[in-house]
Amino acid sequence: MEKQSEKFNKWTLINKMDNSDKWRAICDCGFETHVYKSNVTSGKSKQCVQCQAKLTAARINTMEPKV
């Protein structure tokens, strides 16, 4: 198993999973999951789904109503 820790946006890649292209990753908020390193290094995945949902909700709440 490859062991190293790398930081990309809100993700910290912990280690490569055995027999897989996925990596164990922890978001700054503490959410842990398995991700493809290429998605993280390319910027396609910058944070976990929980952080993305909070960001989306904040954007919706700050939108001005249409008249």
Protein backbone atom coordinates (compact mmCIF):
# COMPACT_ATOMS: atom_id res chain seq x y z
CA MET A 1 0.00 0.00 0.00
CA GLU A 2 1.37 3.40 -1.00
CA LYS A 3 1.60 5.70 2.02
CA GLN A 4 1.78 9.45 1.79
CA SER A 5 -0.39 12.41 2.65
CA GLU A 6 -1.12 15.12 0.09
CA LYS A 7 -3.34 18.21 0.40
CA PHE A 8 -5.53 19.46 -2.49
CA ASN A 9 -8.14 22.17 -1.83
CA LYS A 10 -10.16 20.77 1.12
CA TRP A 11 -9.07 17.16 0.52
CA THR A 12 -6.18 15.41 2.24
CA LEU A 13 -5.28 12.18 0.46
CA ILE A 14 -4.14 9.66 3.06
CA ASN A 15 -3.22 6.49 1.20
CA LYS A 16 -3.97 4.53 -1.96
CA MET A 17 -6.43 1.70 -1.50
CA ASP A 18 -5.15 -1.81 -2.20
CA ASN A 19 -6.11 -3.19 -5.63
CA SER A 20 -7.89 0.05 -6.57
CA ASP A 21 -7.34 3.38 -8.29
CA LYS A 22 -9.08 5.12 -5.39
CA TRP A 23 -7.48 6.88 -2.44
CA ARG A 24 -8.69 7.27 1.14
CA ALA A 25 -9.38 10.98 1.59
CA ILE A 26 -10.48 13.25 4.44
CA CYS A 27 -12.15 16.61 3.87
CA ASP A 28 -11.29 19.57 6.12
CA CYS A 29 -14.72 19.14 7.77
CA GLY A 30 -13.78 15.57 8.82
CA PHE A 31 -15.83 13.67 6.22
CA GLU A 32 -13.92 10.59 5.03
CA THR A 33 -14.43 8.79 1.73
CA HIS A 34 -12.62 7.18 -1.20
CA VAL A 35 -11.83 9.31 -4.25
CA TYR A 36 -9.96 9.06 -7.53
CA LYS A 37 -6.71 10.98 -7.19
CA SER A 38 -7.06 12.31 -10.74
CA ASN A 39 -10.38 13.98 -9.82
CA VAL A 40 -8.76 15.68 -6.84
CA THR A 41 -5.51 16.74 -8.52
CA SER A 42 -7.37 18.12 -11.57
CA GLY A 43 -9.70 20.19 -9.39
CA LYS A 44 -12.79 18.26 -10.49
CA SER A 45 -13.36 17.35 -6.83
CA LYS A 46 -12.43 20.12 -4.37
CA GLN A 47 -14.43 19.13 -1.31
CA CYS A 48 -16.89 16.57 0.04
CA VAL A 49 -20.60 16.48 -0.75
CA GLN A 50 -21.47 17.91 2.66
CA CYS A 51 -19.27 20.99 2.15
CA GLN A 52 -20.60 21.41 -1.39
CA ALA A 53 -24.20 21.30 -0.12
CA LYS A 54 -23.42 23.98 2.50
CA LEU A 55 -21.81 26.17 -0.15
CA THR A 56 -24.78 25.75 -2.49
CA ALA A 57 -27.26 26.57 0.30
CA ALA A 58 -25.29 29.69 1.22
CA ARG A 59 -25.32 30.85 -2.41
CA ILE A 60 -29.08 30.30 -2.69
CA ASN A 61 -29.73 32.19 0.55
CA THR A 62 -27.76 35.22 -0.65
CA MET A 63 -29.47 35.44 -4.05
CA GLU A 64 -31.75 38.42 -4.54
CA PRO A 65 -35.33 37.52 -5.41
CA LYS A 66 -36.38 38.06 -9.01
CA VAL A 67 -38.96 40.77 -9.55
